[in-house]
């Protein structure tokens, strides 16, 4: 009797590619040459650093600036770039660069990696992603030069500029400035603008990039429609939700922290608004801090956790459940309350399949956060607010910390590693990867009724 060969699904291959990247990074970071002291880094600390780099999170158990050597920092930077763009994406791009033909299975794998519905023009899309990403990172590095070169000198300043441009664009949140992240630059207008721009461009998603460029070209050609009207539904929702969350987050942080001496209480009015804006942007999975997260008021902590859970946009470098997912769930609730049969947005109907997927993502992610909080509370000591904040920061691949990550033991580090990995690949992706699909049948079961609410 023949036994059927079991082949890995595309989802499982994507997950395994991230696992292998983390494992390779861990091995390299345990080498004595990777640490500034030239002593081998403990395996769990190297594993945590590799995970936070590949998963573009930013939580650290050792200070990146002082613990790692130049070799170690280069490895971290490479892992950030791999994690930001995706292992499958980089591998396929190298194949294209070498003139290799991309098979249908590889195209399907790329489609799943980017969560795209069509394989049409996939290789061209991939090429544009790489060109666009590296162009933005290069421009970002050039813009950082006036910030770092005067302070650190030409060689070190350029290195710092490149590292932080990649880290900010990939929404990694890892810096090599020191133990206080970007707090020394809290009142540096140019440094804030460059960092926030890179974070937003990376987090808004590549689909939105090309959609906006297409709309601008159509407008230049003489289209009488507004640029916003020329955009696709995904881009409209992503831009609208991102703008709403950035603005509302800024207003809330300014209101909650205005007189708080532990954060922005001692700043001028303009400095307070800039710090509040940066906090609103960075909580959407970037993780670079310009104010103390430990000093935040409780309302600001709650606001931060919501923004971290939400994250950025799909098909980008950001984490979280994604702004489009939250938007679909909100629209579904509105449609239900109004008694509408269809979920609609900007004159388009959203399919039931997308609505169900959005609800599943929110539910599974929330349940994962609850289980992680319980596990951390049982395994580690600490204040509950710090634990909850850290869990949402890890699951949202944000990297902001209330000075708690560095205090945890082995068990806590493992929990956070799992959270960061889940946050990068998505809890629902993990469920789909290791769950057998239901067999499709032509028959539909009789309808049953359940009373809810």
Protein backbone atom coordinates (compact mmCIF):
# COMPACT_ATOMS: atom_id res chain seq x y z
CA UNK A 1 0.00 0.00 0.00
CA UNK A 2 1.46 3.31 -1.08
CA UNK A 3 1.82 6.02 1.46
CA UNK A 4 1.26 9.57 0.37
CA UNK A 5 4.24 11.86 0.75
CA UNK A 6 3.57 14.73 3.05
CA UNK A 7 4.71 18.03 1.62
CA UNK A 8 5.09 21.22 3.58
CA UNK A 9 2.50 23.85 2.78
CA UNK A 10 3.61 27.30 1.71
CA UNK A 11 2.60 28.64 5.11
CA UNK A 12 4.73 26.04 6.87
CA UNK A 13 7.70 26.84 4.59
CA UNK A 14 7.41 30.55 5.43
CA UNK A 15 7.38 29.74 9.15
CA UNK A 16 10.35 27.39 8.81
CA UNK A 17 12.31 30.04 6.90
CA UNK A 18 11.96 32.42 9.85
CA UNK A 19 12.91 29.64 12.28
CA UNK A 20 16.07 28.90 10.28
CA UNK A 21 16.95 32.61 10.11
CA UNK A 22 16.59 32.90 13.90
CA UNK A 23 18.66 29.75 14.45
CA UNK A 24 21.45 30.92 12.11
CA UNK A 25 21.48 34.34 13.77
CA UNK A 26 21.64 32.74 17.21
CA UNK A 27 24.68 30.65 16.29
CA UNK A 28 26.51 33.67 14.89
CA UNK A 29 25.70 35.85 17.91
CA UNK A 30 26.96 33.23 20.39
CA UNK A 31 30.43 33.46 18.82
CA UNK A 32 32.98 35.40 20.93
CA UNK A 33 33.72 37.71 17.97
CA UNK A 34 30.12 38.96 18.14
CA UNK A 35 30.45 40.48 21.62
CA UNK A 36 32.42 43.57 22.58
CA UNK A 37 34.09 41.66 25.45
CA UNK A 38 35.15 38.86 23.05
CA UNK A 39 33.41 36.36 25.35
CA UNK A 40 30.69 33.99 24.17
CA UNK A 41 27.19 35.35 24.76
CA UNK A 42 24.84 32.97 26.63
CA UNK A 43 22.70 30.97 24.20
CA UNK A 44 19.37 32.30 25.52
CA UNK A 45 20.53 35.93 25.17
CA UNK A 46 21.78 35.28 21.64
CA UNK A 47 18.50 33.51 20.81
CA UNK A 48 16.49 36.42 22.22
CA UNK A 49 18.53 38.95 20.22
CA UNK A 50 18.27 36.94 17.00
CA UNK A 51 14.51 36.55 17.51
CA UNK A 52 13.93 40.23 18.24
CA UNK A 53 16.00 41.13 15.14
CA UNK A 54 14.39 38.71 12.66
CA UNK A 55 10.95 39.47 14.07
CA UNK A 56 11.77 43.21 13.85
CA UNK A 57 10.61 43.78 17.42
CA UNK A 58 13.25 45.63 19.41
CA UNK A 59 12.97 44.18 22.91
CA UNK A 60 16.47 43.45 24.20
CA UNK A 61 17.97 41.68 27.20
CA UNK A 62 21.45 43.18 26.66
CA UNK A 63 22.22 46.71 25.55
CA UNK A 64 22.82 46.58 21.80
CA UNK A 65 25.21 49.54 21.77
CA UNK A 66 27.61 48.24 24.43
CA UNK A 67 27.27 44.44 24.46
CA UNK A 68 27.80 43.65 20.78
CA UNK A 69 30.92 44.20 18.71
CA UNK A 70 30.86 45.68 15.21
CA UNK A 71 30.56 42.14 13.84
CA UNK A 72 27.63 41.45 16.15
CA UNK A 73 25.90 44.67 15.16
CA UNK A 74 26.34 43.89 11.46
CA UNK A 75 24.75 40.47 12.03
CA UNK A 76 21.86 42.16 13.85
CA UNK A 77 21.44 44.64 10.99
CA UNK A 78 21.35 41.82 8.42
CA UNK A 79 18.79 39.94 10.51
CA UNK A 80 16.65 43.08 10.73
CA UNK A 81 16.74 43.50 6.96
CA UNK A 82 15.91 39.83 6.43
CA UNK A 83 13.07 40.01 8.94
CA UNK A 84 11.70 43.25 7.53
CA UNK A 85 11.49 42.07 3.93
CA UNK A 86 11.08 38.35 4.60
CA UNK A 87 13.39 35.39 4.13
CA UNK A 88 11.45 34.02 1.16
CA UNK A 89 11.48 37.45 -0.51
CA UNK A 90 15.24 37.87 -0.20
CA UNK A 91 15.97 34.30 -1.34
CA UNK A 92 13.78 34.67 -4.42
CA UNK A 93 15.31 38.05 -5.27
CA UNK A 94 18.79 36.51 -5.20
CA UNK A 95 17.55 33.81 -7.58
CA UNK A 96 16.19 36.47 -9.94
CA UNK A 97 19.46 38.40 -9.73
CA UNK A 98 21.36 35.23 -10.68
CA UNK A 99 19.09 34.70 -13.68
CA UNK A 100 17.25 31.71 -12.24
CA UNK A 101 13.71 31.00 -13.42
CA UNK A 102 11.04 31.33 -10.73
CA UNK A 103 8.81 28.25 -10.63
CA UNK A 104 5.06 28.34 -10.09
CA UNK A 105 5.49 26.89 -6.59
CA UNK A 106 7.95 29.66 -5.75
CA UNK A 107 5.52 32.25 -7.07
CA UNK A 108 2.76 30.77 -4.89
CA UNK A 109 5.13 30.87 -1.93
CA UNK A 110 5.85 34.55 -2.57
CA UNK A 111 2.13 35.26 -2.91
CA UNK A 112 1.52 33.75 0.51
CA UNK A 113 4.53 35.55 2.00
CA UNK A 114 3.11 38.90 0.85
CA UNK A 115 -0.49 37.83 1.54
CA UNK A 116 -1.47 38.65 -2.05
CA UNK A 117 -4.58 37.39 -3.83
CA UNK A 118 -3.04 37.16 -7.30
CA UNK A 119 0.23 35.89 -8.80
CA UNK A 120 0.03 38.30 -11.73
CA UNK A 121 3.16 40.45 -11.99
CA UNK A 122 4.57 38.95 -8.79
CA UNK A 123 8.23 39.00 -9.80
CA UNK A 124 7.90 42.60 -10.97
CA UNK A 125 6.21 43.46 -7.66
CA UNK A 126 9.09 41.79 -5.80
CA UNK A 127 11.68 43.75 -7.78
CA UNK A 128 9.88 47.00 -7.04
CA UNK A 129 9.67 46.14 -3.33
CA UNK A 130 13.43 45.68 -3.13
CA UNK A 131 14.25 48.73 -5.19
CA UNK A 132 11.81 50.86 -3.22
CA UNK A 133 12.93 49.57 0.17
CA UNK A 134 16.63 50.07 -0.45
CA UNK A 135 16.04 53.49 -2.03
CA UNK A 136 14.05 54.69 0.99
CA UNK A 137 16.64 53.26 3.40
CA UNK A 138 19.46 54.94 1.46
CA UNK A 139 17.68 58.30 1.50
CA UNK A 140 16.94 57.79 5.19
CA UNK A 141 20.62 57.12 5.90
CA UNK A 142 21.62 60.30 4.06
CA UNK A 143 19.07 62.26 6.07
CA UNK A 144 20.45 60.84 9.33
CA UNK A 145 24.01 61.95 8.50
CA UNK A 146 23.47 65.53 9.82
CA UNK A 147 22.27 63.97 13.09
CA UNK A 148 25.03 61.44 13.75
CA UNK A 149 28.18 62.58 11.87
CA UNK A 150 28.65 65.82 13.87
CA UNK A 151 28.37 63.80 17.08
CA UNK A 152 30.26 60.60 16.24
CA UNK A 153 32.54 61.59 13.35
CA UNK A 154 32.40 60.57 9.64
CA UNK A 155 32.94 56.78 9.79
CA UNK A 156 30.94 56.03 12.92
CA UNK A 157 28.33 58.64 12.05
CA UNK A 158 27.66 57.10 8.62
CA UNK A 159 27.48 53.62 10.18
CA UNK A 160 24.96 54.89 12.75
CA UNK A 161 22.97 56.55 9.98
CA UNK A 162 22.74 53.35 7.94
CA UNK A 163 21.87 51.17 10.94
CA UNK A 164 19.10 53.41 12.23
CA UNK A 165 17.66 54.03 8.75
CA UNK A 166 17.25 50.28 8.22
CA UNK A 167 15.97 49.73 11.77
CA UNK A 168 13.41 52.53 11.51
CA UNK A 169 12.18 51.54 8.04
CA UNK A 170 11.85 47.89 9.03
CA UNK A 171 10.02 49.00 12.19
CA UNK A 172 12.58 47.06 14.23
CA UNK A 173 13.12 49.53 17.06
CA UNK A 174 16.69 48.38 17.70
CA UNK A 175 19.20 51.20 18.14
CA UNK A 176 22.92 51.46 18.88
CA UNK A 177 22.81 54.86 20.58
CA UNK A 178 22.74 53.55 24.15
CA UNK A 179 20.50 52.36 26.95
CA UNK A 180 17.99 55.21 26.54
CA UNK A 181 17.12 54.64 22.87
CA UNK A 182 16.44 57.96 21.07
CA UNK A 183 15.74 59.93 24.26
CA UNK A 184 18.81 62.15 23.68
CA UNK A 185 17.13 63.30 20.44
CA UNK A 186 13.67 63.93 21.87
CA UNK A 187 13.91 67.63 21.01
CA UNK A 188 15.85 67.23 17.75
CA UNK A 189 13.22 68.16 15.16
CA UNK A 190 15.13 66.77 12.16
CA UNK A 191 15.92 63.43 13.85
CA UNK A 192 12.24 63.07 14.83
CA UNK A 193 10.97 63.88 11.32
CA UNK A 194 13.36 61.48 9.57
CA UNK A 195 12.66 58.63 12.00
CA UNK A 196 8.87 59.04 11.89
CA UNK A 197 8.88 59.26 8.08
CA UNK A 198 10.84 56.01 7.79
CA UNK A 199 8.56 54.29 10.30
CA UNK A 200 5.40 55.38 8.48
CA UNK A 201 6.74 54.50 5.02
CA UNK A 202 7.74 51.03 6.18
CA UNK A 203 4.53 50.45 8.11
CA UNK A 204 2.03 51.70 5.51
CA UNK A 205 2.77 48.76 3.21
CA UNK A 206 4.18 48.31 -0.28
CA UNK A 207 0.75 47.95 -1.91
CA UNK A 208 -0.12 51.46 -0.78
CA UNK A 209 3.18 52.77 -2.20
CA UNK A 210 2.48 51.59 -5.72
CA UNK A 211 -1.18 52.54 -5.51
CA UNK A 212 -0.33 56.12 -4.54
CA UNK A 213 2.33 56.38 -7.26
CA UNK A 214 -0.16 55.07 -9.83
CA UNK A 215 -2.78 57.58 -8.68
CA UNK A 216 -0.26 60.45 -8.90
CA UNK A 217 0.73 59.43 -12.43
CA UNK A 218 -2.94 59.30 -13.48
CA UNK A 219 -3.45 62.76 -12.02
CA UNK A 220 -0.45 64.10 -13.89
CA UNK A 221 -1.85 62.62 -17.11
CA UNK A 222 -4.93 64.76 -16.65
CA UNK A 223 -7.40 62.70 -14.65
CA UNK A 224 -10.16 64.89 -13.21
CA UNK A 225 -10.64 62.62 -10.20
CA UNK A 226 -8.97 63.38 -6.89
CA UNK A 227 -5.84 61.38 -6.05
CA UNK A 228 -7.62 59.75 -3.10
CA UNK A 229 -10.50 58.66 -5.35
CA UNK A 230 -8.02 56.99 -7.72
CA UNK A 231 -6.74 54.71 -4.95
CA UNK A 232 -7.88 51.14 -4.38
CA UNK A 233 -10.05 50.23 -1.39
CA UNK A 234 -7.13 48.71 0.56
CA UNK A 235 -5.05 51.87 0.22
CA UNK A 236 -7.97 54.11 1.17
CA UNK A 237 -8.64 52.14 4.34
CA UNK A 238 -4.94 51.84 5.24
CA UNK A 239 -4.28 55.57 4.81
CA UNK A 240 -7.48 56.66 6.54
CA UNK A 241 -6.99 54.37 9.55
CA UNK A 242 -3.28 55.18 9.86
CA UNK A 243 -3.94 58.92 9.78
CA UNK A 244 -6.77 58.58 12.30
CA UNK A 245 -4.67 56.53 14.72
CA UNK A 246 -1.64 58.85 14.45
CA UNK A 247 -3.72 61.99 15.04
CA UNK A 248 -5.90 60.56 17.79
CA UNK A 249 -2.88 58.96 19.47
CA UNK A 250 -1.04 62.28 19.43
CA UNK A 251 -3.98 64.10 21.01
CA UNK A 252 -4.41 61.44 23.69
CA UNK A 253 -0.71 61.26 24.61
CA UNK A 254 -0.50 65.06 24.75
CA UNK A 255 -3.55 65.21 27.02
CA UNK A 256 -2.39 62.41 29.32
CA UNK A 257 1.28 63.45 29.57
CA UNK A 258 1.15 67.25 29.27
CA UNK A 259 1.99 67.88 32.95
CA UNK A 260 3.77 64.60 33.69
CA UNK A 261 7.32 65.45 34.89
CA UNK A 262 8.45 61.88 34.15
CA UNK A 263 7.84 62.26 30.42
CA UNK A 264 7.09 65.58 28.70
CA UNK A 265 6.02 67.80 31.59
CA UNK A 266 9.20 69.88 31.47
CA UNK A 267 9.15 70.50 27.71
CA UNK A 268 7.96 73.58 25.85
CA UNK A 269 4.60 73.44 24.09
CA UNK A 270 6.09 72.60 20.70
CA UNK A 271 8.37 69.95 22.19
CA UNK A 272 5.41 68.33 23.95
CA UNK A 273 3.45 68.04 20.71
CA UNK A 274 6.45 66.58 18.88
CA UNK A 275 7.08 64.01 21.63
CA UNK A 276 3.39 63.06 21.68
CA UNK A 277 3.38 62.67 17.89
CA UNK A 278 6.49 60.49 17.99
CA UNK A 279 4.99 58.30 20.71
CA UNK A 280 1.85 57.87 18.62
CA UNK A 281 3.90 56.84 15.57
CA UNK A 282 6.41 54.59 17.34
CA UNK A 283 3.78 52.56 19.22
CA UNK A 284 2.50 51.32 15.86
CA UNK A 285 5.27 48.61 15.87
CA UNK A 286 8.40 50.78 15.56
CA UNK A 287 9.63 50.68 19.16
CA UNK A 288 12.13 53.57 19.10
CA UNK A 289 11.52 55.65 22.22
CA UNK A 290 12.12 59.35 22.81
CA UNK A 291 10.40 59.45 26.24
CA UNK A 292 10.43 57.08 29.21
CA UNK A 293 7.85 54.32 28.81
CA UNK A 294 8.16 53.54 32.52
CA UNK A 295 7.11 57.09 33.34
CA UNK A 296 3.89 57.02 31.29
CA UNK A 297 0.59 57.55 33.05
CA UNK A 298 -1.86 54.62 33.14
CA UNK A 299 -4.15 56.11 30.43
CA UNK A 300 -1.11 56.50 28.15
CA UNK A 301 -0.08 52.90 28.84
CA UNK A 302 -3.56 51.69 27.84
CA UNK A 303 -3.46 53.84 24.70
CA UNK A 304 -0.02 52.49 23.84
CA UNK A 305 -1.18 48.88 24.24
CA UNK A 306 -4.13 49.45 21.89
CA UNK A 307 -1.88 51.02 19.26
CA UNK A 308 0.69 48.23 19.65
CA UNK A 309 -2.02 45.59 19.26
CA UNK A 310 -3.34 47.32 16.14
CA UNK A 311 0.03 47.83 14.44
CA UNK A 312 0.57 49.04 10.90
CA UNK A 313 -0.69 48.08 7.47
CA UNK A 314 -0.53 44.78 5.59
CA UNK A 315 2.27 43.84 3.15
CA UNK A 316 4.76 46.11 4.88
CA UNK A 317 7.36 45.92 7.64
CA UNK A 318 4.95 46.57 10.52
CA UNK A 319 3.43 44.04 12.90
CA UNK A 320 0.22 43.95 14.91
CA UNK A 321 -3.17 42.72 13.70
CA UNK A 322 -3.04 45.50 11.08
CA UNK A 323 -5.13 48.65 10.67
CA UNK A 324 -7.15 47.15 7.82
CA UNK A 325 -8.14 44.20 10.02
CA UNK A 326 -9.38 46.51 12.77
CA UNK A 327 -11.20 48.63 10.19
CA UNK A 328 -13.04 45.62 8.75
CA UNK A 329 -14.16 44.50 12.21
CA UNK A 330 -15.36 48.01 13.08
CA UNK A 331 -17.24 48.24 9.77
CA UNK A 332 -18.79 44.82 10.46
CA UNK A 333 -20.01 46.02 13.86
CA UNK A 334 -21.42 49.21 12.33
CA UNK A 335 -23.23 47.19 9.64
CA UNK A 336 -24.71 44.87 12.27
CA UNK A 337 -25.88 47.75 14.47
CA UNK A 338 -27.48 49.46 11.47
CA UNK A 339 -29.14 46.26 10.33
CA UNK A 340 -27.30 46.12 7.00
CA UNK A 341 -26.75 42.78 5.32
CA UNK A 342 -23.48 43.85 3.70
CA UNK A 343 -20.31 45.34 5.15
CA UNK A 344 -19.44 48.31 2.96
CA UNK A 345 -16.70 50.92 2.75
CA UNK A 346 -16.08 53.73 0.24
CA UNK A 347 -18.81 52.44 -2.05
CA UNK A 348 -17.53 48.86 -2.10
CA UNK A 349 -18.83 45.68 -0.46
CA UNK A 350 -16.38 43.70 1.67
CA UNK A 351 -16.73 39.93 1.22
CA UNK A 352 -17.91 37.72 4.09
CA UNK A 353 -14.66 35.75 3.79
CA UNK A 354 -12.57 38.84 4.56
CA UNK A 355 -14.87 39.79 7.46
CA UNK A 356 -14.58 36.30 8.99
CA UNK A 357 -10.81 36.33 8.58
CA UNK A 358 -10.53 39.76 10.24
CA UNK A 359 -12.63 38.60 13.20
CA UNK A 360 -10.54 35.42 13.49
CA UNK A 361 -7.28 37.40 13.48
CA UNK A 362 -8.50 39.74 16.23
CA UNK A 363 -9.85 36.88 18.36
CA UNK A 364 -6.83 34.58 18.02
CA UNK A 365 -4.38 37.45 18.64
CA UNK A 366 -6.30 38.57 21.71
CA UNK A 367 -6.44 35.02 23.09
CA UNK A 368 -2.70 34.61 22.43
CA UNK A 369 -2.05 37.79 24.43
CA UNK A 370 -4.19 36.54 27.34
CA UNK A 371 -2.38 33.19 27.45
CA UNK A 372 1.01 34.91 27.24
CA UNK A 373 0.12 37.33 30.06
CA UNK A 374 -1.00 34.43 32.28
CA UNK A 375 2.16 32.46 31.50
CA UNK A 376 4.41 35.44 32.22
CA UNK A 377 2.55 36.23 35.44
CA UNK A 378 3.01 32.65 36.65
CA UNK A 379 6.64 32.34 35.61
CA UNK A 380 8.04 35.78 36.41
CA UNK A 381 7.74 38.46 39.06
CA UNK A 382 6.89 42.07 38.31
CA UNK A 383 4.06 44.55 38.21
CA UNK A 384 1.07 43.45 36.14
CA UNK A 385 1.02 46.65 34.08
CA UNK A 386 4.66 46.09 33.08
CA UNK A 387 4.01 42.47 32.14
CA UNK A 388 0.93 43.28 30.06
CA UNK A 389 2.73 46.15 28.33
CA UNK A 390 5.70 43.93 27.49
CA UNK A 391 3.50 41.12 26.12
CA UNK A 392 1.60 43.46 23.80
CA UNK A 393 4.91 45.04 22.76
CA UNK A 394 6.27 41.58 21.84
CA UNK A 395 3.13 40.32 20.07
CA UNK A 396 2.84 43.59 18.15
CA UNK A 397 6.57 43.38 17.27
CA UNK A 398 6.94 46.88 18.72
CA UNK A 399 9.87 46.70 21.11
CA UNK A 400 8.92 49.44 23.56
CA UNK A 401 9.68 48.45 27.14
CA UNK A 402 8.89 49.67 30.63
CA UNK A 403 12.42 48.57 31.69
CA UNK A 404 11.07 45.08 32.40
CA UNK A 405 12.60 42.83 29.71
CA UNK A 406 16.10 43.12 31.14
CA UNK A 407 14.91 41.86 34.56
CA UNK A 408 13.30 38.58 33.48
CA UNK A 409 14.75 35.07 33.76
CA UNK A 410 15.01 32.15 31.35
CA UNK A 411 11.29 31.30 31.39
CA UNK A 412 10.26 34.90 30.72
CA UNK A 413 12.71 35.21 27.83
CA UNK A 414 11.29 32.07 26.22
CA UNK A 415 7.73 33.40 26.58
CA UNK A 416 8.69 36.71 24.95
CA UNK A 417 10.58 34.91 22.15
CA UNK A 418 7.44 32.92 21.36
CA UNK A 419 5.37 36.11 21.46
CA UNK A 420 7.74 37.94 19.11
CA UNK A 421 7.74 35.03 16.68
CA UNK A 422 3.95 34.78 16.76
CA UNK A 423 3.70 38.52 16.27
CA UNK A 424 5.93 38.42 13.18
CA UNK A 425 4.28 35.52 11.36
CA UNK A 426 0.81 36.12 12.81
CA UNK A 427 -1.03 33.83 15.28
CA UNK A 428 -3.61 32.89 12.65
CA UNK A 429 -0.81 31.85 10.26
CA UNK A 430 0.54 29.47 12.91
CA UNK A 431 -2.93 27.99 13.44
CA UNK A 432 -3.49 27.51 9.70
CA UNK A 433 -0.03 25.99 9.24
CA UNK A 434 -0.59 23.18 11.73
CA UNK A 435 -4.30 22.56 11.30
CA UNK A 436 -5.79 20.17 8.77
CA UNK A 437 -8.11 21.86 6.32
CA UNK A 438 -11.76 20.83 6.29
CA UNK A 439 -12.81 18.65 3.38
CA UNK A 440 -15.04 20.60 1.03
CA UNK A 441 -18.42 19.08 0.26
CA UNK A 442 -21.17 20.06 -2.11
CA UNK A 443 -23.77 19.78 0.65
CA UNK A 444 -24.53 22.46 3.22
CA UNK A 445 -25.71 21.48 6.67
CA UNK A 446 -29.18 22.54 7.87
CA UNK A 447 -29.23 25.99 9.43
CA UNK A 448 -29.41 26.16 13.21
CA UNK A 449 -30.20 29.10 15.46
CA UNK A 450 -28.22 30.42 18.41
CA UNK A 451 -29.32 33.34 20.53
CA UNK A 452 -26.52 35.85 21.12
CA UNK A 453 -26.28 39.16 22.92
